[in-house]
Amino acid sequence: MALLRQKAYEKTMQFRFLTNAIAGQRQHFEDLLKAAETAEAIEQIEVSYQLNREENE
């Protein structure tokens, strides 16, 4: 039972890291979009999500 509890906790922490990382990056892209004043500026926004696995370990 202890092993199962530990595995569930680890999965929860991984999910928490993932959702926080993606939400932060999404907010950054939204901020860039709101700051863009022209269609050309919007086209220059390159959306690419990254995960830095070292932060989770």
Protein backbone atom coordinates (compact mmCIF):
# COMPACT_ATOMS: atom_id res chain seq x y z
CA MET A 1 0.00 0.00 0.00
CA ALA A 2 2.86 2.40 0.79
CA LEU A 3 4.37 1.86 -2.65
CA LEU A 4 1.04 2.56 -4.33
CA ARG A 5 0.64 5.74 -2.28
CA GLN A 6 4.17 6.86 -3.21
CA LYS A 7 3.57 6.22 -6.92
CA ALA A 8 0.29 8.15 -6.80
CA TYR A 9 2.07 11.05 -5.11
CA GLU A 10 4.84 11.05 -7.73
CA LYS A 11 2.27 11.10 -10.56
CA THR A 12 0.45 13.97 -8.87
CA MET A 13 3.64 15.99 -8.59
CA GLN A 14 4.54 15.31 -12.24
CA PHE A 15 1.08 16.44 -13.34
CA ARG A 16 1.37 19.55 -11.18
CA PHE A 17 4.73 20.43 -12.74
CA LEU A 18 3.37 19.88 -16.24
CA THR A 19 0.25 21.97 -15.77
CA ASN A 20 2.18 24.82 -14.14
CA ALA A 21 4.81 24.84 -16.89
CA ILE A 22 2.27 24.82 -19.71
CA ALA A 23 0.00 27.39 -18.07
CA GLY A 24 2.91 29.78 -17.57
CA GLN A 25 4.02 29.49 -21.16
CA ARG A 26 0.46 29.89 -22.44
CA GLN A 27 0.14 33.08 -20.41
CA HIS A 28 3.36 34.37 -21.95
CA PHE A 29 2.00 33.77 -25.46
CA GLU A 30 -1.26 35.48 -24.53
CA ASP A 31 0.68 38.50 -23.26
CA LEU A 32 2.65 38.66 -26.51
CA LEU A 33 -0.57 38.50 -28.49
CA LYS A 34 -2.17 41.31 -26.47
CA ALA A 35 0.95 43.47 -26.91
CA ALA A 36 1.08 42.93 -30.67
CA GLU A 37 -0.10 46.01 -32.54
CA THR A 38 -0.07 44.69 -36.10
CA ALA A 39 -0.87 41.51 -37.97
CA GLU A 40 2.84 41.22 -38.77
CA ALA A 41 3.68 41.30 -35.07
CA ILE A 42 1.19 38.53 -34.44
CA GLU A 43 2.69 36.46 -37.24
CA GLN A 44 6.13 36.80 -35.61
CA ILE A 45 4.96 35.05 -32.43
CA GLU A 46 6.36 31.53 -32.51
CA VAL A 47 4.41 29.17 -30.29
CA SER A 48 6.56 26.36 -29.01
CA TYR A 49 6.03 24.74 -25.63
CA GLN A 50 9.10 23.52 -23.74
CA LEU A 51 9.48 21.41 -20.63
CA ASN A 52 12.62 21.65 -18.55
CA ARG A 53 12.68 18.25 -16.85
CA GLU A 54 15.50 19.26 -14.46
CA GLU A 55 13.09 21.60 -12.65
CA ASN A 56 10.91 18.62 -11.78
CA GLU A 57 13.72 16.50 -10.36
